[in-house]
Amino acid sequence: MRARSLILPSLAAAAVLVAGCGQSGSSGSGGGTASGNSAASGDACKPVAGDQLVVLQDDKHLQNADNVIPALNAQFASANPAALAALNAVSKKLTTDDLVAMNHAVDVERKSAEDVAAAWVSDNKVGDGLEKGSGAVAVGGANFTESTVLANVYADVLKAAGFDATVQSVGSRDVYLPALEEGSQIQAFPEYLSTVTEAINKQVNGPDAQAVASGDVQKTVQALTPLAQQKGLTFGNPSDAADQNAFAVTKKLADDLKVTTLSELAKACGDGSLVLGGPPECPTRPYCQPGLQDTYGLKFASFTELDAGGPLTKAAIQQGKVSIGLVFSSDGALAQG
């Protein structure tokens, strides 16, 4: 299961990301009234049970862009341009659907992270035609499934490029970022764009630094680049793959309403019949219920207190206890079929 935690920012700070863990329960948090633009008839958007979950596209970029991006020790990257080119080749191919499938293969099908990574590299021919390098390189991986799989993907592609690549399990970002900056223990790491941008931003500009990450990938990369240079780090190209907060419904509800985006859901559910599920902080956090209301105009009949993208929320959506809930976009539970 996914072990990386995301913290819901306070309304005052409005910092990056959402989702902190909490105890289960339920509480009301205000409903909505019918809208003149609504295609719903008062209860069309109430919870609908179904086994398959689908994420609705965050088409107005409420969430910050947490795309997978290669991080390297700057001195190592400068001396070994083939390494950065190899990891950029991963970014060119990697998608969120790939993350979902690989997480599912490890967490549900119980395959090894090494085998899953090797299969993805082979199936996508990522190792073909790479610029050649040489020498040792250690790729760090954090202690959750996705990071371990990605570390092995990076290592396999670096091997295909001629490097003697190994994977080293490391701890939290507070531990591995300094190790990556120093460069003797690990030289590369699969990172998450907005999360690492704000982590470095706070290191460089202090804990109260104004947030510079956003839902715009390129603007966030532009903000990250000078910060990374100050810390002796180099970042490659961001992939299309993102592991970030997302909102899911059952496929049956999405199909019934004919919606694929949060904007379409808002148009279909202006009557306020939606029931939202998520962590206890959700009703007061700008990237959760207030953000859905302010950015998309979504209206809710009630809020059910669950967990942060965990089993309680997913089960509540599937069982028809909530219409929509906060999940992680690359969760293996979202795998089709």
Protein backbone atom coordinates (compact mmCIF):
# COMPACT_ATOMS: atom_id res chain seq x y z
CA MET A 1 0.00 0.00 0.00
CA ARG A 2 0.97 3.58 -0.55
CA ALA A 3 2.88 4.99 2.39
CA ARG A 4 3.77 8.49 1.23
CA SER A 5 1.68 11.00 3.20
CA LEU A 6 0.37 14.26 1.85
CA ILE A 7 -0.57 17.06 4.21
CA LEU A 8 -3.63 19.23 3.83
CA PRO A 9 -2.54 22.89 4.09
CA SER A 10 -4.25 25.30 6.42
CA LEU A 11 -6.48 27.90 4.85
CA ALA A 12 -4.11 30.64 6.01
CA ALA A 13 -0.99 29.03 4.58
CA ALA A 14 -2.60 27.69 1.40
CA ALA A 15 0.55 25.61 0.88
CA VAL A 16 0.89 22.69 -1.51
CA LEU A 17 -1.04 19.47 -1.57
CA VAL A 18 -3.89 17.93 0.33
CA ALA A 19 -4.70 14.99 2.49
CA GLY A 20 -3.74 14.20 6.01
CA CYS A 21 -4.82 11.05 7.77
CA GLY A 22 -7.62 11.05 10.27
CA GLN A 23 -10.02 8.81 12.10
CA SER A 24 -13.19 7.62 10.48
CA GLY A 25 -16.62 8.93 11.24
CA SER A 26 -19.09 11.25 9.59
CA SER A 27 -20.22 14.80 9.86
CA GLY A 28 -22.41 17.11 7.85
CA SER A 29 -20.87 20.18 6.29
CA GLY A 30 -23.61 22.02 4.56
CA GLY A 31 -25.51 21.27 1.41
CA GLY A 32 -26.40 23.08 -1.77
CA THR A 33 -29.52 24.19 -3.48
CA ALA A 34 -30.68 23.59 -7.00
CA SER A 35 -28.97 25.50 -9.79
CA GLY A 36 -30.56 26.76 -12.97
CA ASN A 37 -27.74 25.15 -14.96
CA SER A 38 -28.25 21.73 -13.43
CA ALA A 39 -29.14 18.69 -15.51
CA ALA A 40 -29.80 16.75 -12.32
CA SER A 41 -33.28 16.40 -10.86
CA GLY A 42 -32.61 16.50 -7.14
CA ASP A 43 -31.05 13.10 -6.54
CA ALA A 44 -29.21 12.15 -9.75
CA CYS A 45 -25.84 12.73 -8.10
CA LYS A 46 -26.45 10.81 -4.90
CA PRO A 47 -24.01 7.95 -4.21
CA VAL A 48 -24.12 5.06 -6.69
CA ALA A 49 -22.41 1.80 -5.73
CA GLY A 50 -19.97 0.10 -8.07
CA ASP A 51 -16.74 -1.89 -7.94
CA GLN A 52 -14.79 0.21 -10.45
CA LEU A 53 -13.50 3.64 -9.47
CA VAL A 54 -12.59 6.36 -11.95
CA VAL A 55 -10.79 9.65 -11.33
CA LEU A 56 -12.45 12.75 -12.74
CA GLN A 57 -10.03 15.04 -14.55
CA ASP A 58 -8.97 18.12 -12.59
CA ASP A 59 -9.43 20.26 -15.68
CA LYS A 60 -9.03 23.59 -13.84
CA HIS A 61 -5.86 22.47 -12.02
CA LEU A 62 -7.08 22.76 -8.47
CA GLN A 63 -4.32 20.41 -7.33
CA ASN A 64 -0.63 21.18 -7.59
CA ALA A 65 1.26 19.29 -10.30
CA ASP A 66 3.01 16.34 -8.66
CA ASN A 67 4.39 14.77 -11.81
CA VAL A 68 7.19 12.23 -11.47
CA ILE A 69 10.51 13.93 -12.26
CA PRO A 70 14.10 12.63 -12.08
CA ALA A 71 16.34 14.29 -9.48
CA LEU A 72 20.12 13.96 -9.71
CA ASN A 73 23.16 15.20 -7.87
CA ALA A 74 24.25 18.15 -10.01
CA GLN A 75 27.93 17.24 -10.08
CA PHE A 76 27.12 13.68 -11.11
CA ALA A 77 24.68 14.86 -13.78
CA SER A 78 27.24 17.28 -15.21
CA ALA A 79 29.90 14.57 -15.40
CA ASN A 80 27.49 11.96 -16.77
CA PRO A 81 25.11 13.53 -19.32
CA ALA A 82 24.06 10.07 -20.51
CA ALA A 83 22.48 9.44 -17.10
CA LEU A 84 20.17 12.44 -17.33
CA ALA A 85 19.32 11.53 -20.94
CA ALA A 86 18.39 7.99 -19.83
CA LEU A 87 16.08 9.23 -17.07
CA ASN A 88 14.51 11.74 -19.43
CA ALA A 89 13.73 8.77 -21.69
CA VAL A 90 11.72 7.32 -18.80
CA SER A 91 9.84 10.60 -18.39
CA LYS A 92 8.97 10.62 -22.08
CA LYS A 93 7.14 7.29 -21.77
CA LEU A 94 5.76 7.21 -18.22
CA THR A 95 2.03 7.90 -17.68
CA THR A 96 -0.29 7.94 -14.69
CA ASP A 97 -1.99 4.82 -16.08
CA ASP A 98 1.42 3.14 -15.97
CA LEU A 99 1.81 4.06 -12.30
CA VAL A 100 -1.65 2.69 -11.53
CA ALA A 101 -0.90 -0.57 -13.33
CA MET A 102 2.50 -1.03 -11.69
CA ASN A 103 1.19 -0.25 -8.21
CA HIS A 104 -1.65 -2.72 -8.80
CA ALA A 105 0.80 -5.39 -9.95
CA VAL A 106 2.84 -5.07 -6.76
CA ASP A 107 0.16 -4.32 -4.15
CA VAL A 108 -2.67 -6.51 -5.47
CA GLU A 109 -1.08 -9.13 -7.69
CA ARG A 110 1.91 -9.47 -5.32
CA LYS A 111 4.56 -9.31 -8.01
CA SER A 112 7.99 -8.02 -7.08
CA ALA A 113 8.85 -4.37 -7.70
CA GLU A 114 11.94 -5.50 -9.59
CA ASP A 115 9.96 -7.71 -11.99
CA VAL A 116 7.27 -5.09 -12.55
CA ALA A 117 9.85 -2.41 -13.30
CA ALA A 118 11.77 -4.67 -15.68
CA ALA A 119 8.58 -5.57 -17.56
CA TRP A 120 7.63 -1.90 -17.99
CA VAL A 121 11.09 -0.98 -19.31
CA SER A 122 11.03 -3.92 -21.73
CA ASP A 123 7.45 -3.42 -22.92
CA ASN A 124 8.04 0.28 -23.58
CA LYS A 125 11.50 -0.24 -25.13
CA VAL A 126 12.85 2.58 -22.97
CA GLY A 127 16.36 1.14 -23.04
CA ASP A 128 16.62 1.24 -26.83
CA GLY A 129 18.94 3.72 -28.55
CA LEU A 130 20.19 5.45 -25.42
CA GLU A 131 23.33 7.55 -25.25
CA LYS A 132 26.00 5.42 -23.56
CA GLY A 133 27.71 6.13 -20.27
CA SER A 134 29.68 4.19 -17.68
CA GLY A 135 30.44 4.02 -13.98
CA ALA A 136 28.51 3.37 -10.81
CA VAL A 137 25.26 5.08 -9.91
CA ALA A 138 22.98 4.44 -6.93
CA VAL A 139 19.30 5.25 -7.34
CA GLY A 140 17.45 6.00 -4.13
CA GLY A 141 13.93 4.79 -3.44
CA ALA A 142 11.63 5.68 -0.53
CA ASN A 143 9.83 3.05 1.49
CA PHE A 144 6.57 2.79 -0.45
CA THR A 145 5.62 0.72 -3.47
CA GLU A 146 5.60 3.35 -6.16
CA SER A 147 8.95 4.85 -5.22
CA THR A 148 10.54 1.40 -5.09
CA VAL A 149 9.16 0.50 -8.52
CA LEU A 150 10.30 3.80 -10.03
CA ALA A 151 13.77 3.45 -8.51
CA ASN A 152 14.07 0.06 -10.20
CA VAL A 153 12.79 1.51 -13.49
CA TYR A 154 15.47 4.20 -13.29
CA ALA A 155 18.15 1.65 -12.44
CA ASP A 156 17.15 -0.68 -15.29
CA VAL A 157 17.26 2.13 -17.84
CA LEU A 158 20.60 3.37 -16.50
CA LYS A 159 21.94 -0.17 -16.88
CA ALA A 160 20.72 -0.19 -20.48
CA ALA A 161 22.70 3.02 -20.96
CA GLY A 162 25.88 1.33 -19.74
CA PHE A 163 25.94 2.34 -16.07
CA ASP A 164 26.52 0.01 -13.13
CA ALA A 165 23.24 0.96 -11.47
CA THR A 166 21.92 -0.22 -8.13
CA VAL A 167 18.88 0.64 -5.98
CA GLN A 168 19.28 1.84 -2.42
CA SER A 169 16.33 2.05 -0.05
CA VAL A 170 16.31 5.33 1.86
CA GLY A 171 14.07 7.01 4.37
CA SER A 172 12.08 10.22 4.31
CA ARG A 173 12.78 13.29 2.17
CA ASP A 174 14.54 14.90 5.15
CA VAL A 175 17.06 12.05 4.93
CA TYR A 176 17.46 11.44 1.23
CA LEU A 177 17.53 15.02 -0.10
CA PRO A 178 20.71 15.85 1.86
CA ALA A 179 22.18 12.52 0.71
CA LEU A 180 21.37 13.38 -2.90
CA GLU A 181 22.87 16.84 -2.50
CA GLU A 182 26.06 15.36 -1.04
CA GLY A 183 26.17 12.73 -3.78
CA SER A 184 28.31 9.96 -2.31
CA GLN A 185 25.55 7.55 -1.25
CA ILE A 186 22.91 8.16 -3.94
CA GLN A 187 23.12 10.05 -7.20
CA ALA A 188 19.57 9.83 -8.58
CA PHE A 189 16.02 9.69 -7.25
CA PRO A 190 12.44 9.60 -8.66
CA GLU A 191 10.80 12.70 -7.22
CA TYR A 192 7.40 14.46 -7.29
CA LEU A 193 7.45 17.91 -8.84
CA SER A 194 5.40 20.14 -6.54
CA THR A 195 6.27 18.30 -3.34
CA VAL A 196 10.02 18.52 -3.90
CA THR A 197 9.73 22.11 -5.15
CA GLU A 198 8.13 23.23 -1.90
CA ALA A 199 10.51 21.13 0.22
CA ILE A 200 13.51 22.86 -1.38
CA ASN A 201 11.75 26.22 -1.34
CA LYS A 202 11.41 25.99 2.44
CA GLN A 203 15.04 24.92 2.80
CA VAL A 204 16.28 27.85 0.74
CA ASN A 205 13.82 30.58 1.80
CA GLY A 206 12.71 29.42 5.24
CA PRO A 207 9.68 27.53 6.59
CA ASP A 208 7.34 30.47 5.99
CA ALA A 209 8.35 30.92 2.34
CA GLN A 210 5.52 31.73 -0.04
CA ALA A 211 4.52 28.66 -2.06
CA VAL A 212 5.82 28.62 -5.64
CA ALA A 213 4.42 25.30 -6.88
CA SER A 214 1.11 25.28 -8.76
CA GLY A 215 -1.06 23.18 -11.01
CA ASP A 216 0.97 24.40 -13.99
CA VAL A 217 3.77 21.90 -14.66
CA GLN A 218 6.06 24.21 -16.63
CA LYS A 219 5.71 27.14 -14.23
CA THR A 220 6.51 24.83 -11.33
CA VAL A 221 9.59 23.51 -13.16
CA GLN A 222 10.68 27.10 -13.76
CA ALA A 223 10.30 27.84 -10.04
CA LEU A 224 12.17 24.66 -9.07
CA THR A 225 15.21 25.12 -11.33
CA PRO A 226 16.95 28.05 -9.56
CA LEU A 227 16.09 26.58 -6.15
CA ALA A 228 17.64 23.24 -7.13
CA GLN A 229 20.80 24.94 -8.35
CA GLN A 230 21.29 26.46 -4.90
CA LYS A 231 21.13 22.97 -3.38
CA GLY A 232 23.46 21.23 -5.82
CA LEU A 233 20.67 19.35 -7.58
CA THR A 234 19.66 18.88 -11.20
CA PHE A 235 16.17 17.87 -12.32
CA GLY A 236 15.27 16.23 -15.61
CA ASN A 237 12.07 16.52 -17.60
CA PRO A 238 8.77 15.91 -15.81
CA SER A 239 6.75 12.93 -17.01
CA ASP A 240 3.03 12.91 -17.74
CA ALA A 241 2.69 10.53 -14.79
CA ALA A 242 1.39 12.21 -11.64
CA ASP A 243 0.81 10.93 -8.14
CA GLN A 244 -1.34 13.61 -6.57
CA ASN A 245 -4.62 14.15 -4.84
CA ALA A 246 -7.61 13.39 -7.04
CA PHE A 247 -11.35 12.87 -6.75
CA ALA A 248 -12.97 9.60 -7.75
CA VAL A 249 -16.50 8.35 -8.35
CA THR A 250 -17.80 4.96 -9.35
CA LYS A 251 -17.67 4.23 -13.05
CA LYS A 252 -21.43 3.67 -12.90
CA LEU A 253 -22.07 7.18 -11.60
CA ALA A 254 -19.69 8.69 -14.16
CA ASP A 255 -21.35 6.75 -16.97
CA ASP A 256 -24.87 7.61 -15.77
CA LEU A 257 -24.00 11.31 -15.68
CA LYS A 258 -21.78 11.14 -18.78
CA VAL A 259 -18.98 13.01 -17.00
CA THR A 260 -15.19 12.70 -17.20
CA THR A 261 -14.12 16.00 -15.60
CA LEU A 262 -14.87 17.88 -12.41
CA SER A 263 -16.30 20.73 -14.49
CA GLU A 264 -18.78 18.36 -16.12
CA LEU A 265 -19.71 16.97 -12.72
CA ALA A 266 -20.46 20.49 -11.48
CA LYS A 267 -22.78 21.12 -14.44
CA ALA A 268 -24.57 17.82 -13.87
CA CYS A 269 -24.88 18.16 -10.10
CA GLY A 270 -25.86 21.74 -9.43
CA ASP A 271 -28.77 20.53 -7.28
CA GLY A 272 -26.38 19.84 -4.39
CA SER A 273 -27.11 16.11 -4.10
CA LEU A 274 -23.45 15.04 -4.02
CA VAL A 275 -22.02 13.47 -0.88
CA LEU A 276 -18.28 14.10 -0.44
CA GLY A 277 -15.94 11.78 1.45
CA GLY A 278 -12.41 12.46 2.65
CA PRO A 279 -10.14 13.17 5.62
CA PRO A 280 -11.41 15.20 8.59
CA GLU A 281 -9.55 18.30 7.38
CA CYS A 282 -11.27 18.32 3.98
CA PRO A 283 -14.11 20.78 4.81
CA THR A 284 -11.62 23.49 5.80
CA ARG A 285 -8.76 22.95 3.34
CA PRO A 286 -8.45 24.93 0.09
CA TYR A 287 -7.46 21.92 -2.01
CA CYS A 288 -10.40 19.82 -0.81
CA GLN A 289 -14.05 20.84 -0.25
CA PRO A 290 -13.57 24.65 -0.35
CA GLY A 291 -11.49 24.30 -3.51
CA LEU A 292 -14.08 22.10 -5.18
CA GLN A 293 -16.73 24.66 -4.30
CA ASP A 294 -14.76 27.79 -5.23
CA THR A 295 -12.93 26.47 -8.32
CA TYR A 296 -15.65 24.28 -9.83
CA GLY A 297 -18.85 25.50 -8.21
CA LEU A 298 -19.61 22.04 -6.85
CA LYS A 299 -22.34 21.85 -4.23
CA PHE A 300 -22.62 19.12 -1.60
CA ALA A 301 -25.48 17.73 0.43
CA SER A 302 -23.07 16.56 3.11
CA PHE A 303 -19.52 15.52 3.95
CA THR A 304 -18.56 12.11 5.35
CA GLU A 305 -15.39 11.96 7.43
CA LEU A 306 -13.17 9.07 6.30
CA ASP A 307 -9.43 8.83 5.60
CA ALA A 308 -6.94 10.43 3.21
CA GLY A 309 -7.15 8.43 0.01
CA GLY A 310 -7.17 5.19 1.95
CA PRO A 311 -9.32 2.06 2.19
CA LEU A 312 -12.16 3.75 4.07
CA THR A 313 -12.70 6.35 1.36
CA LYS A 314 -12.41 3.89 -1.52
CA ALA A 315 -14.80 1.45 0.15
CA ALA A 316 -17.32 4.21 0.88
CA ILE A 317 -17.37 5.21 -2.80
CA GLN A 318 -17.71 1.60 -3.97
CA GLN A 319 -20.44 0.83 -1.44
CA GLY A 320 -22.48 3.88 -2.41
CA LYS A 321 -22.03 5.72 0.88
CA VAL A 322 -20.46 8.78 -0.76
CA SER A 323 -20.76 10.08 -4.31
CA ILE A 324 -17.18 11.32 -4.63
CA GLY A 325 -14.06 10.94 -2.52
CA LEU A 326 -10.46 12.03 -2.26
CA VAL A 327 -7.99 9.42 -3.57
CA PHE A 328 -4.46 9.36 -4.99
CA SER A 329 -4.29 9.53 -8.78
CA SER A 330 -1.89 6.58 -9.12
CA ASP A 331 -3.54 4.25 -6.61
CA GLY A 332 -3.44 0.64 -7.80
CA ALA A 333 -7.11 0.32 -6.84
CA LEU A 334 -7.91 2.44 -9.89
CA ALA A 335 -6.63 -0.25 -12.28
CA GLN A 336 -9.16 -1.18 -14.96
CA GLY A 337 -10.33 -4.77 -15.13
